[in-house]
Amino acid sequence: MPLNMRLPKLRGFNNPFRVEYQALNLDVIEASGLDVVDPESLVANSLVGKSSLVKVLARGEVSRAVTVKVHACSKAAEAAITAAGGTVEILPLPWGDRRPPAQGNHLTNR
């Protein structure tokens, strides 16, 4: 069979170890009225999905002191939260310090 028929139709590289975060902006934190922002309280208020990793981004501003416990945070968001009198705690990733497990049938059936 010719080489062009053996190659997959969708070319390119799909990284099976990609880490996807659900973004949470500062204006959403301000509008939620939460004093402690962690994944459990965000799921309870339907701001993020149940098993998603949360990353805080710096769109908007925070005018009160909040305690933020998330998986990742941008430098500008961390500076804005600490300037308002809050604290930022980075939670460990669920798979530890290694790379994340591969996702997809063709990767997990090895």
N, C-alpha and C. Protein backbone atom coordinates (compact mmCIF):
# COMPACT_ATOMS: atom_id res chain seq x y z
N MET A 1 0.85 -1.18 0.00
CA MET A 1 0.00 0.00 0.00
C MET A 1 0.89 1.24 0.00
N PRO A 2 0.58 2.24 -0.80
CA PRO A 2 1.41 3.44 -0.88
C PRO A 2 1.44 4.19 0.46
N LEU A 3 2.52 4.94 0.64
CA LEU A 3 2.73 5.65 1.89
C LEU A 3 1.63 6.66 2.17
N ASN A 4 1.17 7.39 1.15
CA ASN A 4 0.14 8.40 1.38
C ASN A 4 -1.19 7.78 1.79
N MET A 5 -1.42 6.53 1.51
CA MET A 5 -2.65 5.88 1.94
C MET A 5 -2.52 5.32 3.37
N ARG A 6 -1.28 5.07 3.80
CA ARG A 6 -1.07 4.55 5.14
C ARG A 6 -1.06 5.64 6.21
N LEU A 7 -0.78 6.88 5.81
CA LEU A 7 -0.73 7.98 6.78
C LEU A 7 -2.14 8.36 7.22
N PRO A 8 -2.29 8.81 8.46
CA PRO A 8 -3.61 9.23 8.91
C PRO A 8 -4.08 10.49 8.20
N LYS A 9 -5.39 10.64 8.09
CA LYS A 9 -5.95 11.78 7.37
C LYS A 9 -5.69 13.09 8.10
N LEU A 10 -5.82 13.08 9.42
CA LEU A 10 -5.60 14.31 10.20
C LEU A 10 -4.15 14.34 10.63
N ARG A 11 -3.36 15.15 9.97
CA ARG A 11 -1.94 15.21 10.28
C ARG A 11 -1.71 16.20 11.42
N GLY A 12 -0.57 16.06 12.03
CA GLY A 12 -0.20 16.95 13.12
C GLY A 12 0.06 16.15 14.38
N PHE A 13 0.47 16.85 15.39
CA PHE A 13 0.82 16.22 16.65
C PHE A 13 -0.18 16.61 17.71
N ASN A 14 -0.80 15.61 18.33
CA ASN A 14 -1.68 15.84 19.46
C ASN A 14 -0.97 15.31 20.70
N ASN A 15 -0.61 16.21 21.60
CA ASN A 15 0.14 15.84 22.78
C ASN A 15 -0.77 15.09 23.75
N PRO A 16 -0.52 13.82 24.03
CA PRO A 16 -1.38 13.07 24.95
C PRO A 16 -1.17 13.47 26.41
N PHE A 17 -0.10 14.17 26.70
CA PHE A 17 0.20 14.56 28.08
C PHE A 17 -0.10 16.03 28.35
N ARG A 18 -0.92 16.66 27.54
CA ARG A 18 -1.26 18.06 27.71
C ARG A 18 -2.08 18.25 28.98
N VAL A 19 -1.76 19.29 29.72
CA VAL A 19 -2.48 19.61 30.95
C VAL A 19 -3.44 20.74 30.62
N GLU A 20 -4.74 20.51 30.79
CA GLU A 20 -5.74 21.53 30.49
C GLU A 20 -6.31 22.07 31.79
N TYR A 21 -6.25 23.39 31.92
CA TYR A 21 -6.80 24.06 33.09
C TYR A 21 -8.10 24.75 32.70
N GLN A 22 -8.98 24.90 33.68
CA GLN A 22 -10.17 25.71 33.47
C GLN A 22 -9.88 27.09 34.04
N ALA A 23 -10.01 28.11 33.21
CA ALA A 23 -9.63 29.47 33.59
C ALA A 23 -10.68 30.09 34.51
N LEU A 24 -10.20 30.84 35.48
CA LEU A 24 -11.05 31.57 36.41
C LEU A 24 -10.44 32.96 36.55
N ASN A 25 -11.18 33.98 36.16
CA ASN A 25 -10.65 35.34 36.18
C ASN A 25 -10.97 36.03 37.50
N LEU A 26 -10.24 37.11 37.76
CA LEU A 26 -10.42 37.84 39.01
C LEU A 26 -11.80 38.47 39.13
N ASP A 27 -12.38 38.92 38.01
CA ASP A 27 -13.72 39.51 38.09
C ASP A 27 -14.78 38.48 38.47
N VAL A 28 -14.57 37.22 38.12
CA VAL A 28 -15.50 36.15 38.52
C VAL A 28 -15.37 35.88 40.02
N ILE A 29 -14.15 35.93 40.53
CA ILE A 29 -13.93 35.75 41.97
C ILE A 29 -14.60 36.89 42.73
N GLU A 30 -14.46 38.11 42.24
CA GLU A 30 -15.06 39.27 42.89
C GLU A 30 -16.58 39.18 42.88
N ALA A 31 -17.16 38.75 41.77
CA ALA A 31 -18.62 38.68 41.66
C ALA A 31 -19.20 37.51 42.46
N SER A 32 -18.40 36.47 42.71
CA SER A 32 -18.93 35.31 43.42
C SER A 32 -19.17 35.59 44.89
N GLY A 33 -18.39 36.48 45.49
CA GLY A 33 -18.56 36.81 46.90
C GLY A 33 -17.95 35.79 47.84
N LEU A 34 -17.12 34.88 47.34
CA LEU A 34 -16.49 33.87 48.18
C LEU A 34 -15.26 34.45 48.88
N ASP A 35 -15.08 34.10 50.15
CA ASP A 35 -13.88 34.52 50.87
C ASP A 35 -12.75 33.50 50.71
N VAL A 36 -13.11 32.22 50.60
CA VAL A 36 -12.13 31.16 50.36
C VAL A 36 -12.47 30.52 49.02
N VAL A 37 -11.58 30.68 48.07
CA VAL A 37 -11.79 30.15 46.73
C VAL A 37 -10.95 28.90 46.58
N ASP A 38 -11.60 27.74 46.55
CA ASP A 38 -10.93 26.48 46.32
C ASP A 38 -11.78 25.66 45.35
N PRO A 39 -11.25 24.58 44.78
CA PRO A 39 -12.02 23.84 43.78
C PRO A 39 -13.37 23.33 44.28
N GLU A 40 -13.46 22.94 45.55
CA GLU A 40 -14.74 22.44 46.08
C GLU A 40 -15.80 23.53 46.11
N SER A 41 -15.42 24.73 46.56
CA SER A 41 -16.41 25.82 46.60
C SER A 41 -16.78 26.30 45.21
N LEU A 42 -15.83 26.23 44.26
CA LEU A 42 -16.13 26.62 42.88
C LEU A 42 -17.08 25.64 42.21
N VAL A 43 -16.91 24.34 42.50
CA VAL A 43 -17.83 23.34 41.96
C VAL A 43 -19.20 23.51 42.58
N ALA A 44 -19.25 23.82 43.88
CA ALA A 44 -20.54 24.02 44.55
C ALA A 44 -21.30 25.21 43.98
N ASN A 45 -20.59 26.22 43.51
CA ASN A 45 -21.23 27.40 42.91
C ASN A 45 -21.32 27.32 41.39
N SER A 46 -21.00 26.17 40.82
CA SER A 46 -21.07 25.92 39.37
C SER A 46 -20.20 26.87 38.56
N LEU A 47 -19.03 27.20 39.07
CA LEU A 47 -18.11 28.07 38.33
C LEU A 47 -17.09 27.27 37.53
N VAL A 48 -16.80 26.04 37.94
CA VAL A 48 -15.90 25.16 37.21
C VAL A 48 -16.50 23.77 37.20
N GLY A 49 -15.92 22.89 36.37
CA GLY A 49 -16.36 21.51 36.30
C GLY A 49 -15.88 20.70 37.49
N LYS A 50 -16.43 19.51 37.64
CA LYS A 50 -16.17 18.70 38.83
C LYS A 50 -14.74 18.20 38.93
N SER A 51 -14.17 17.75 37.87
CA SER A 51 -12.82 17.18 37.95
C SER A 51 -11.79 18.02 37.18
N SER A 52 -12.02 19.31 37.10
CA SER A 52 -11.12 20.15 36.32
C SER A 52 -10.05 20.78 37.21
N LEU A 53 -8.91 21.07 36.60
CA LEU A 53 -7.85 21.81 37.26
C LEU A 53 -8.13 23.29 37.06
N VAL A 54 -7.91 24.09 38.09
CA VAL A 54 -8.30 25.50 38.06
C VAL A 54 -7.06 26.38 37.99
N LYS A 55 -7.09 27.37 37.10
CA LYS A 55 -6.02 28.35 36.98
C LYS A 55 -6.64 29.75 37.05
N VAL A 56 -6.08 30.61 37.89
CA VAL A 56 -6.59 31.97 38.05
C VAL A 56 -5.83 32.88 37.09
N LEU A 57 -6.59 33.67 36.32
CA LEU A 57 -6.02 34.62 35.38
C LEU A 57 -6.35 36.04 35.83
N ALA A 58 -5.68 37.03 35.28
CA ALA A 58 -5.70 38.38 35.83
C ALA A 58 -6.68 39.34 35.19
N ARG A 59 -7.74 38.86 34.52
CA ARG A 59 -8.72 39.79 33.96
C ARG A 59 -9.61 40.31 35.09
N GLY A 60 -9.75 41.60 35.20
CA GLY A 60 -10.55 42.20 36.26
C GLY A 60 -9.68 42.57 37.45
N GLU A 61 -10.34 42.85 38.56
CA GLU A 61 -9.61 43.23 39.77
C GLU A 61 -10.35 42.73 41.00
N VAL A 62 -9.62 42.60 42.09
CA VAL A 62 -10.18 42.16 43.36
C VAL A 62 -10.02 43.29 44.35
N SER A 63 -11.11 43.65 45.03
CA SER A 63 -11.06 44.78 45.96
C SER A 63 -11.10 44.34 47.42
N ARG A 64 -11.13 43.04 47.69
CA ARG A 64 -11.19 42.55 49.07
C ARG A 64 -10.20 41.40 49.23
N ALA A 65 -9.92 41.07 50.47
CA ALA A 65 -8.96 40.00 50.75
C ALA A 65 -9.64 38.65 50.58
N VAL A 66 -9.08 37.81 49.74
CA VAL A 66 -9.60 36.46 49.51
C VAL A 66 -8.45 35.47 49.65
N THR A 67 -8.78 34.27 50.08
CA THR A 67 -7.82 33.18 50.14
C THR A 67 -8.08 32.28 48.94
N VAL A 68 -7.10 32.13 48.08
CA VAL A 68 -7.26 31.39 46.84
C VAL A 68 -6.39 30.14 46.91
N LYS A 69 -7.02 28.98 46.74
CA LYS A 69 -6.31 27.69 46.71
C LYS A 69 -6.63 27.03 45.38
N VAL A 70 -5.71 27.12 44.43
CA VAL A 70 -5.94 26.61 43.09
C VAL A 70 -4.71 25.83 42.62
N HIS A 71 -4.82 25.20 41.44
CA HIS A 71 -3.73 24.40 40.90
C HIS A 71 -2.67 25.24 40.20
N ALA A 72 -3.06 26.41 39.65
CA ALA A 72 -2.10 27.29 38.98
C ALA A 72 -2.63 28.72 39.04
N CYS A 73 -1.71 29.67 38.94
CA CYS A 73 -2.09 31.08 39.02
C CYS A 73 -1.08 31.88 38.21
N SER A 74 -1.57 32.86 37.45
CA SER A 74 -0.65 33.70 36.69
C SER A 74 0.03 34.69 37.64
N LYS A 75 1.18 35.20 37.24
CA LYS A 75 1.94 36.13 38.08
C LYS A 75 1.16 37.41 38.33
N ALA A 76 0.47 37.93 37.31
CA ALA A 76 -0.29 39.17 37.47
C ALA A 76 -1.49 38.97 38.40
N ALA A 77 -2.13 37.80 38.31
CA ALA A 77 -3.26 37.52 39.20
C ALA A 77 -2.78 37.37 40.64
N GLU A 78 -1.65 36.71 40.82
CA GLU A 78 -1.11 36.55 42.17
C GLU A 78 -0.73 37.90 42.77
N ALA A 79 -0.16 38.78 41.97
CA ALA A 79 0.20 40.12 42.45
C ALA A 79 -1.04 40.92 42.82
N ALA A 80 -2.11 40.80 42.03
CA ALA A 80 -3.34 41.54 42.31
C ALA A 80 -4.02 41.03 43.59
N ILE A 81 -3.99 39.72 43.81
CA ILE A 81 -4.62 39.16 45.01
C ILE A 81 -3.84 39.54 46.25
N THR A 82 -2.51 39.46 46.20
CA THR A 82 -1.72 39.83 47.37
C THR A 82 -1.76 41.33 47.63
N ALA A 83 -1.91 42.14 46.58
CA ALA A 83 -2.03 43.59 46.77
C ALA A 83 -3.34 43.95 47.47
N ALA A 84 -4.37 43.13 47.27
CA ALA A 84 -5.66 43.38 47.92
C ALA A 84 -5.69 42.81 49.34
N GLY A 85 -4.61 42.16 49.77
CA GLY A 85 -4.56 41.63 51.13
C GLY A 85 -4.87 40.15 51.22
N GLY A 86 -5.00 39.46 50.09
CA GLY A 86 -5.33 38.04 50.09
C GLY A 86 -4.09 37.18 50.00
N THR A 87 -4.32 35.87 49.99
CA THR A 87 -3.22 34.92 49.86
C THR A 87 -3.52 33.95 48.73
N VAL A 88 -2.45 33.40 48.15
CA VAL A 88 -2.57 32.42 47.07
C VAL A 88 -1.81 31.17 47.49
N GLU A 89 -2.49 30.01 47.43
CA GLU A 89 -1.86 28.73 47.73
C GLU A 89 -2.00 27.84 46.50
N ILE A 90 -0.89 27.28 46.06
CA ILE A 90 -0.90 26.41 44.89
C ILE A 90 -1.08 24.97 45.35
N LEU A 91 -2.14 24.32 44.88
CA LEU A 91 -2.43 22.93 45.23
C LEU A 91 -1.59 22.00 44.36
N PRO A 92 -1.21 20.83 44.88
CA PRO A 92 -0.46 19.88 44.04
C PRO A 92 -1.37 19.26 42.98
N LEU A 93 -0.77 18.90 41.87
CA LEU A 93 -1.53 18.25 40.81
C LEU A 93 -1.89 16.83 41.22
N PRO A 94 -3.01 16.30 40.76
CA PRO A 94 -3.47 15.00 41.24
C PRO A 94 -2.56 13.83 40.89
N TRP A 95 -1.72 13.94 39.87
CA TRP A 95 -0.86 12.83 39.49
C TRP A 95 0.55 12.99 40.03
N GLY A 96 0.81 13.97 40.86
CA GLY A 96 2.12 14.15 41.48
C GLY A 96 3.03 15.01 40.64
N ASP A 97 4.34 14.79 40.78
CA ASP A 97 5.31 15.63 40.10
C ASP A 97 5.74 15.06 38.75
N ARG A 98 5.14 13.96 38.33
CA ARG A 98 5.46 13.39 37.02
C ARG A 98 4.53 13.98 35.97
N ARG A 99 4.66 13.49 34.74
CA ARG A 99 3.76 13.96 33.70
C ARG A 99 2.39 13.31 33.88
N PRO A 100 1.33 13.93 33.36
CA PRO A 100 -0.02 13.38 33.54
C PRO A 100 -0.20 12.09 32.75
N PRO A 101 -1.16 11.26 33.16
CA PRO A 101 -1.40 10.03 32.41
C PRO A 101 -1.92 10.32 31.02
N ALA A 102 -1.60 9.46 30.08
CA ALA A 102 -2.06 9.63 28.70
C ALA A 102 -3.56 9.40 28.62
N GLN A 103 -4.21 10.13 27.73
CA GLN A 103 -5.65 10.01 27.55
C GLN A 103 -5.95 9.57 26.14
N GLY A 104 -7.01 8.79 25.97
CA GLY A 104 -7.42 8.32 24.65
C GLY A 104 -7.20 6.83 24.53
N ASN A 105 -8.06 6.17 23.75
CA ASN A 105 -8.00 4.73 23.64
C ASN A 105 -6.71 4.22 23.02
N HIS A 106 -6.21 4.89 22.00
CA HIS A 106 -5.02 4.39 21.33
C HIS A 106 -3.77 4.57 22.19
N LEU A 107 -3.86 5.35 23.29
CA LEU A 107 -2.72 5.53 24.16
C LEU A 107 -2.81 4.69 25.43
N THR A 108 -4.01 4.37 25.88
CA THR A 108 -4.15 3.66 27.14
C THR A 108 -4.23 2.15 26.95
N ASN A 109 -4.33 1.66 25.73
CA ASN A 109 -4.42 0.22 25.47
C ASN A 109 -3.07 -0.36 25.09
N ARG A 110 -2.03 0.11 25.72
CA ARG A 110 -0.69 -0.38 25.39
C ARG A 110 -0.42 -1.68 26.09
